[in-house]
Amino acid sequence: MSPYELSELAPIAATLNKESNDVNRLIVSLNEELAALNLGISVWLPTPTQTDSDCTIGFTSFGEGEIEQFDDDEHRSYRYSSYKWQLAIRRKLYPVPTPNHAGKTVADLLEEQETERVEPVLKASRDLRIEALQEASTIINLLIETANAKIQAIQKAKQLVSELSAKRVGKG
């Protein structure tokens, strides 16, 4: 590569890095706005990403911070100190046979090993972060649809309980 070609690349790299930082800022802002709504709803796009066919984009909560240990009489468990709602990537994982797995079926391996991993979009590749921003309106629409469905289910349940209570009062 000649020095001329390299000198052309330097300003392009600077612009790309600036734009990538802007993408990160937009993701942080969107995460904060969505988390502030306190929906408590996870959604995932139904199709894999264009960037990586083993990944889907969504909005969910997962652990962050320190891992804390909890003991009771019979069990020891671990959990994160905090959970945070944010845009995320769900990645399929495939079982990896090792000598310890000799004679086991793929089904056995799937039971023993994780089959997916969820990670913040902010920790994903630049291409996945860009794609997540491009899909933000679809994710918001999924949140709207899911929230409306939950509202309808709650209203229906409340109506059923109200009707049952009215029948009990009428019999008493």
Foldseek 3Di string as FASTA:
>chain_A
DDVVVVVVVVVVVVVVVVVLVVLLVVQVVVQVVVVVVVLQDKDWDPAADPVDRQKIKIKHKAADADKDWDDDPPDIDIGHPDIGIGIKIKGFDAFDDDPVQPPHDSVVSPVVDPGIDIDHQSPDDSVSSVRNVVCVVVNVVVSVVVSVVVVVVVVVVVVVVVVVVVVVVVVD
